[in-house]
C-alpha atoms as a PDB file:
ATOM      1  CA  UNK A   1      -0.358   0.011   0.628  1.00  0.00           C
ATOM      2  CA  UNK A   2       2.568   2.896   0.831  1.00  0.00           C
ATOM      3  CA  UNK A   3       4.650   1.937  -2.578  1.00  0.00           C
ATOM      4  CA  UNK A   4       1.150   2.786  -3.796  1.00  0.00           C
ATOM      5  CA  UNK A   5       0.495   5.876  -2.264  1.00  0.00           C
ATOM      6  CA  UNK A   6       4.274   7.420  -3.084  1.00  0.00           C
ATOM      7  CA  UNK A   7       4.162   6.453  -6.756  1.00  0.00           C
ATOM      8  CA  UNK A   8       0.683   8.207  -6.682  1.00  0.00           C
ATOM      9  CA  UNK A   9       2.060  11.150  -4.728  1.00  0.00           C
ATOM     10  CA  UNK A  10       5.370  11.307  -7.366  1.00  0.00           C
ATOM     11  CA  UNK A  11       3.319  10.792  -9.906  1.00  0.00           C
ATOM     12  CA  UNK A  12       1.500  13.741  -9.191  1.00  0.00           C
ATOM     13  CA  UNK A  13       4.441  15.910  -8.543  1.00  0.00           C
ATOM     14  CA  UNK A  14       6.289  15.588 -11.542  1.00  0.00           C
ATOM     15  CA  UNK A  15       2.982  15.562 -14.109  1.00  0.00           C
ATOM     16  CA  UNK A  16       2.198  19.709 -15.795  1.00  0.00           C
ATOM     17  CA  UNK A  17      -0.438  20.561 -13.494  1.00  0.00           C
ATOM     18  CA  UNK A  18       2.772  22.942 -11.692  1.00  0.00           C
ATOM     19  CA  UNK A  19       2.718  26.211 -12.495  1.00  0.00           C
ATOM     20  CA  UNK A  20       6.201  27.540 -14.988  1.00  0.00           C
ATOM     21  CA  UNK A  21       7.977  30.530 -14.066  1.00  0.00           C
ATOM     22  CA  UNK A  22       8.938  32.751 -16.757  1.00  0.00           C
ATOM     23  CA  UNK A  23      13.241  32.338 -14.433  1.00  0.00           C
ATOM     24  CA  UNK A  24      14.314  29.622 -12.833  1.00  0.00           C
ATOM     25  CA  UNK A  25      15.961  32.273  -9.301  1.00  0.00           C
ATOM     26  CA  UNK A  26      14.027  33.993  -8.358  1.00  0.00           C
ATOM     27  CA  UNK A  27      15.730  35.252  -5.291  1.00  0.00           C
ATOM     28  CA  UNK A  28      14.396  36.862  -2.479  1.00  0.00           C
ATOM     29  CA  UNK A  29      11.156  39.321  -4.491  1.00  0.00           C
ATOM     30  CA  UNK A  30       9.575  35.311  -4.770  1.00  0.00           C
ATOM     31  CA  UNK A  31       7.004  35.197  -8.329  1.00  0.00           C
ATOM     32  CA  UNK A  32       7.398  39.058  -8.261  1.00  0.00           C
ATOM     33  CA  UNK A  33      10.868  39.481  -9.206  1.00  0.00           C
ATOM     34  CA  UNK A  34      11.639  41.410 -12.516  1.00  0.00           C
ATOM     35  CA  UNK A  35      12.941  38.260 -13.975  1.00  0.00           C
ATOM     36  CA  UNK A  36       9.016  36.756 -14.305  1.00  0.00           C
ATOM     37  CA  UNK A  37       7.519  39.360 -15.342  1.00  0.00           C
ATOM     38  CA  UNK A  38       6.051  38.961 -18.372  1.00  0.00           C
ATOM     39  CA  UNK A  39       5.246  41.817 -21.176  1.00  0.00           C
ATOM     40  CA  UNK A  40       2.109  44.526 -19.719  1.00  0.00           C
ATOM     41  CA  UNK A  41      -0.312  44.315 -21.282  1.00  0.00           C
ATOM     42  CA  UNK A  42      -2.746  47.533 -21.862  1.00  0.00           C
ATOM     43  CA  UNK A  43      -6.703  48.474 -22.231  1.00  0.00           C
ATOM     44  CA  UNK A  44      -8.361  51.317 -24.531  1.00  0.00           C
ATOM     45  CA  UNK A  45     -12.070  52.426 -22.696  1.00  0.00           C
ATOM     46  CA  UNK A  46     -12.979  54.285 -25.387  1.00  0.00           C
ATOM     47  CA  UNK A  47     -16.948  55.295 -27.312  1.00  0.00           C
ATOM     48  CA  UNK A  48     -16.509  53.750 -30.182  1.00  0.00           C
ATOM     49  CA  UNK A  49     -13.096  52.331 -30.261  1.00  0.00           C
ATOM     50  CA  UNK A  50     -12.022  48.698 -29.829  1.00  0.00           C
ATOM     51  CA  UNK A  51     -10.929  47.435 -26.542  1.00  0.00           C
ATOM     52  CA  UNK A  52      -7.820  45.862 -27.874  1.00  0.00           C
ATOM     53  CA  UNK A  53      -4.865  46.921 -29.980  1.00  0.00           C
ATOM     54  CA  UNK A  54      -3.736  43.458 -30.670  1.00  0.00           C
ATOM     55  CA  UNK A  55      -4.734  41.125 -32.564  1.00  0.00           C
ATOM     56  CA  UNK A  56      -5.742  37.273 -31.195  1.00  0.00           C
ATOM     57  CA  UNK A  57      -5.869  35.828 -28.105  1.00  0.00           C
ATOM     58  CA  UNK A  58      -3.374  37.505 -25.537  1.00  0.00           C
ATOM     59  CA  UNK A  59      -0.768  34.431 -24.166  1.00  0.00           C
ATOM     60  CA  UNK A  60       0.300  34.805 -20.811  1.00  0.00           C
ATOM     61  CA  UNK A  61       2.241  31.729 -18.747  1.00  0.00           C
ATOM     62  CA  UNK A  62       0.700  31.368 -15.288  1.00  0.00           C
ATOM     63  CA  UNK A  63       3.292  32.154 -12.232  1.00  0.00           C
ATOM     64  CA  UNK A  64       4.275  34.621 -14.367  1.00  0.00           C
ATOM     65  CA  UNK A  65       3.321  38.216 -13.203  1.00  0.00           C
ATOM     66  CA  UNK A  66       1.598  40.932 -15.458  1.00  0.00           C
ATOM     67  CA  UNK A  67       0.875  44.388 -15.405  1.00  0.00           C
ATOM     68  CA  UNK A  68      -2.743  44.958 -17.170  1.00  0.00           C
ATOM     69  CA  UNK A  69      -3.131  49.015 -17.968  1.00  0.00           C
ATOM     70  CA  UNK A  70      -6.858  50.242 -18.546  1.00  0.00           C
ATOM     71  CA  UNK A  71      -6.954  54.165 -19.347  1.00  0.00           C
ATOM     72  CA  UNK A  72     -10.501  55.437 -20.547  1.00  0.00           C
ATOM     73  CA  UNK A  73     -10.177  59.158 -22.186  1.00  0.00           C
ATOM     74  CA  UNK A  74     -14.000  59.905 -20.187  1.00  0.00           C
ATOM     75  CA  UNK A  75     -15.431  60.193 -23.975  1.00  0.00           C
ATOM     76  CA  UNK A  76     -18.662  57.979 -21.859  1.00  0.00           C
ATOM     77  CA  UNK A  77     -18.942  55.922 -18.635  1.00  0.00           C
ATOM     78  CA  UNK A  78     -18.008  52.710 -19.841  1.00  0.00           C
ATOM     79  CA  UNK A  79     -16.808  49.748 -17.222  1.00  0.00           C
ATOM     80  CA  UNK A  80     -14.355  46.807 -18.343  1.00  0.00           C
ATOM     81  CA  UNK A  81     -15.883  43.563 -16.740  1.00  0.00           C
ATOM     82  CA  UNK A  82     -15.144  39.737 -15.929  1.00  0.00           C
ATOM     83  CA  UNK A  83     -15.598  37.769 -12.979  1.00  0.00           C
ATOM     84  CA  UNK A  84     -13.912  33.947 -14.570  1.00  0.00           C
ATOM     85  CA  UNK A  85     -10.486  36.062 -15.571  1.00  0.00           C
ATOM     86  CA  UNK A  86     -10.257  37.763 -11.884  1.00  0.00           C
ATOM     87  CA  UNK A  87     -11.075  34.462 -10.103  1.00  0.00           C
ATOM     88  CA  UNK A  88      -8.322  33.051 -11.862  1.00  0.00           C
ATOM     89  CA  UNK A  89      -4.854  35.462 -11.421  1.00  0.00           C
ATOM     90  CA  UNK A  90      -4.199  36.241  -8.111  1.00  0.00           C
ATOM     91  CA  UNK A  91      -4.183  40.244  -7.533  1.00  0.00           C
ATOM     92  CA  UNK A  92      -1.026  42.360  -6.424  1.00  0.00           C
ATOM     93  CA  UNK A  93      -2.113  45.610  -6.111  1.00  0.00           C
ATOM     94  CA  UNK A  94      -4.741  48.282  -8.725  1.00  0.00           C
ATOM     95  CA  UNK A  95      -3.004  51.372  -8.515  1.00  0.00           C
ATOM     96  CA  UNK A  96      -5.512  54.264  -9.531  1.00  0.00           C
ATOM     97  CA  UNK A  97      -4.485  57.892  -9.056  1.00  0.00           C
ATOM     98  CA  UNK A  98      -1.097  56.619  -6.776  1.00  0.00           C
ATOM     99  CA  UNK A  99      -3.190  55.095  -4.696  1.00  0.00           C
ATOM    100  CA  UNK A 100      -2.770  51.375  -3.794  1.00  0.00           C
ATOM    101  CA  UNK A 101      -5.336  48.757  -3.640  1.00  0.00           C
ATOM    102  CA  UNK A 102      -4.950  45.721  -2.756  1.00  0.00           C
ATOM    103  CA  UNK A 103      -9.064  43.742  -3.207  1.00  0.00           C
ATOM    104  CA  UNK A 104      -9.237  40.045  -2.030  1.00  0.00           C
ATOM    105  CA  UNK A 105     -11.355  39.673  -5.728  1.00  0.00           C
ATOM    106  CA  UNK A 106     -13.377  41.707  -8.743  1.00  0.00           C
ATOM    107  CA  UNK A 107     -15.736  41.785 -10.991  1.00  0.00           C
ATOM    108  CA  UNK A 108     -15.109  45.177 -12.920  1.00  0.00           C
ATOM    109  CA  UNK A 109     -13.562  48.022 -12.719  1.00  0.00           C
ATOM    110  CA  UNK A 110     -16.155  51.550 -13.963  1.00  0.00           C
ATOM    111  CA  UNK A 111     -14.704  54.539 -14.978  1.00  0.00           C
ATOM    112  CA  UNK A 112     -17.261  58.342 -15.125  1.00  0.00           C
ATOM    113  CA  UNK A 113     -14.499  59.763 -15.771  1.00  0.00           C
ATOM    114  CA  UNK A 114     -11.195  59.626 -18.070  1.00  0.00           C
ATOM    115  CA  UNK A 115      -7.950  57.956 -16.293  1.00  0.00           C
ATOM    116  CA  UNK A 116      -5.526  55.039 -16.434  1.00  0.00           C
ATOM    117  CA  UNK A 117      -5.723  51.978 -13.635  1.00  0.00           C
ATOM    118  CA  UNK A 118      -2.565  49.446 -13.362  1.00  0.00           C
ATOM    119  CA  UNK A 119      -3.325  46.672 -12.029  1.00  0.00           C
ATOM    120  CA  UNK A 120      -0.371  43.711 -11.309  1.00  0.00           C
ATOM    121  CA  UNK A 121      -1.311  40.411 -10.788  1.00  0.00           C
ATOM    122  CA  UNK A 122       0.348  36.636 -11.258  1.00  0.00           C
ATOM    123  CA  UNK A 123      -2.408  34.316 -13.894  1.00  0.00           C
ATOM    124  CA  UNK A 124      -2.777  31.421 -12.143  1.00  0.00           C
ATOM    125  CA  UNK A 125      -5.965  28.798 -13.138  1.00  0.00           C
ATOM    126  CA  UNK A 126      -4.286  27.678 -17.240  1.00  0.00           C
ATOM    127  CA  UNK A 127      -7.545  28.530 -19.824  1.00  0.00           C
ATOM    128  CA  UNK A 128      -9.144  31.154 -21.976  1.00  0.00           C
ATOM    129  CA  UNK A 129     -11.132  33.912 -19.851  1.00  0.00           C
ATOM    130  CA  UNK A 130     -12.340  37.677 -21.763  1.00  0.00           C
ATOM    131  CA  UNK A 131     -12.609  40.996 -20.097  1.00  0.00           C
ATOM    132  CA  UNK A 132     -15.233  42.996 -22.049  1.00  0.00           C
ATOM    133  CA  UNK A 133     -16.767  45.842 -21.781  1.00  0.00           C
ATOM    134  CA  UNK A 134     -20.685  45.458 -20.308  1.00  0.00           C
ATOM    135  CA  UNK A 135     -24.020  44.934 -22.209  1.00  0.00           C
ATOM    136  CA  UNK A 136     -21.479  45.228 -26.286  1.00  0.00           C
ATOM    137  CA  UNK A 137     -21.836  42.119 -27.474  1.00  0.00           C
ATOM    138  CA  UNK A 138     -19.313  43.488 -30.378  1.00  0.00           C
ATOM    139  CA  UNK A 139     -15.818  41.772 -31.033  1.00  0.00           C
ATOM    140  CA  UNK A 140     -13.896  44.526 -30.829  1.00  0.00           C
ATOM    141  CA  UNK A 141     -15.215  45.437 -27.777  1.00  0.00           C
ATOM    142  CA  UNK A 142     -13.812  42.119 -25.600  1.00  0.00           C
ATOM    143  CA  UNK A 143      -9.926  40.914 -25.345  1.00  0.00           C
ATOM    144  CA  UNK A 144      -9.546  37.165 -24.387  1.00  0.00           C
ATOM    145  CA  UNK A 145      -6.883  35.799 -21.836  1.00  0.00           C
ATOM    146  CA  UNK A 146      -5.483  31.928 -22.239  1.00  0.00           C
ATOM    147  CA  UNK A 147      -3.276  31.479 -20.060  1.00  0.00           C
ATOM    148  CA  UNK A 148      -0.740  28.410 -20.047  1.00  0.00           C
END
């Protein structure tokens, strides 16, 4: 019985389920180390403009640290929502006007005026997730994130 337990435990530990950060030697900072940071993602909230200027889904690596900059130009009161995405990441902080917010969870961010919010997080749960402007149906009004 013990051999069976050890074999099952070894198989679990060697499996591909573990997150693979972007670097090997992260030091004291751990997953927040500068070598473990992916490229920042920029989103724009504007009346009549696409939410994301890039093509295709945004690829994120599970275990890596990222930042999303969401900028509203103030042309309309707009929000971005995506509870599934926000539950698949560990949110480090949201920074708005140099005010740092460390939330447990969020569903959406709404901009009543122009400004920028910076979200920093670690991607955790692999899958496909969407952030979108609530009530919109256009493909350009959403962005898909693929956590690998």
